[in-house]
Amino acid sequence: MSSQPHQDHRQRLVTQGIAAPGDHVLLTRGDHMNAHGGTNTMKILDVEASHE
């Protein structure tokens, strides 16, 4: 398991060419399905270069 939360997601975005190191990605999540305007969480993730 990765030591940083969301690192696997960020690496997948880079691998698929959706994001590049240095980009910022917004992650939003709502608690209720089929409810409009229910975003309860927003995170701004920094996409960093891989340290493999």
Protein backbone atom coordinates (compact mmCIF):
# COMPACT_ATOMS: atom_id res chain seq x y z
CA MET A 1 0.00 0.00 0.00
CA SER A 2 1.23 3.50 -0.80
CA SER A 3 2.31 5.80 2.02
CA GLN A 4 0.55 8.76 0.38
CA PRO A 5 -3.23 8.74 -0.03
CA HIS A 6 -4.36 8.77 -3.66
CA GLN A 7 -0.85 8.08 -5.04
CA ASP A 8 -2.14 5.12 -7.12
CA HIS A 9 -4.83 7.34 -8.65
CA ARG A 10 -2.33 10.07 -9.51
CA GLN A 11 0.05 7.55 -11.10
CA ARG A 12 -2.80 6.13 -13.20
CA LEU A 13 -3.69 9.63 -14.46
CA VAL A 14 -0.06 10.15 -15.52
CA THR A 15 0.17 6.71 -17.14
CA GLN A 16 -2.98 7.35 -19.17
CA GLY A 17 -1.75 10.78 -20.27
CA ILE A 18 -4.56 12.63 -18.49
CA ALA A 19 -2.23 14.50 -16.10
CA ALA A 20 1.48 15.28 -15.96
CA PRO A 21 3.86 15.87 -13.05
CA GLY A 22 3.31 19.43 -11.82
CA ASP A 23 -0.44 19.38 -12.59
CA HIS A 24 -3.19 19.75 -9.98
CA VAL A 25 -6.24 17.48 -9.98
CA LEU A 26 -9.57 18.15 -8.22
CA LEU A 27 -11.17 15.17 -6.50
CA THR A 28 -14.82 15.60 -5.53
CA ARG A 29 -17.11 13.21 -3.71
CA GLY A 30 -20.73 13.35 -2.63
CA ASP A 31 -22.40 11.19 -0.01
CA HIS A 32 -25.81 10.68 -1.63
CA MET A 33 -26.39 9.06 -5.01
CA ASN A 34 -29.00 10.64 -7.29
CA ALA A 35 -29.02 13.85 -5.25
CA HIS A 36 -28.11 17.07 -7.07
CA GLY A 37 -25.66 19.49 -5.49
CA GLY A 38 -24.48 17.05 -2.85
CA THR A 39 -20.70 17.35 -3.13
CA ASN A 40 -19.44 17.09 0.42
CA THR A 41 -15.69 16.73 -0.14
CA MET A 42 -13.23 18.42 -2.46
CA LYS A 43 -9.48 17.78 -2.46
CA ILE A 44 -6.78 19.36 -4.58
CA LEU A 45 -4.11 16.79 -5.40
CA ASP A 46 -0.61 17.62 -6.64
CA VAL A 47 0.64 15.26 -9.35
CA GLU A 48 4.29 14.54 -8.64
CA ALA A 49 7.01 12.68 -10.52
CA SER A 50 7.26 8.99 -9.65
CA HIS A 51 10.00 8.02 -7.17
CA GLU A 52 10.47 4.43 -8.33
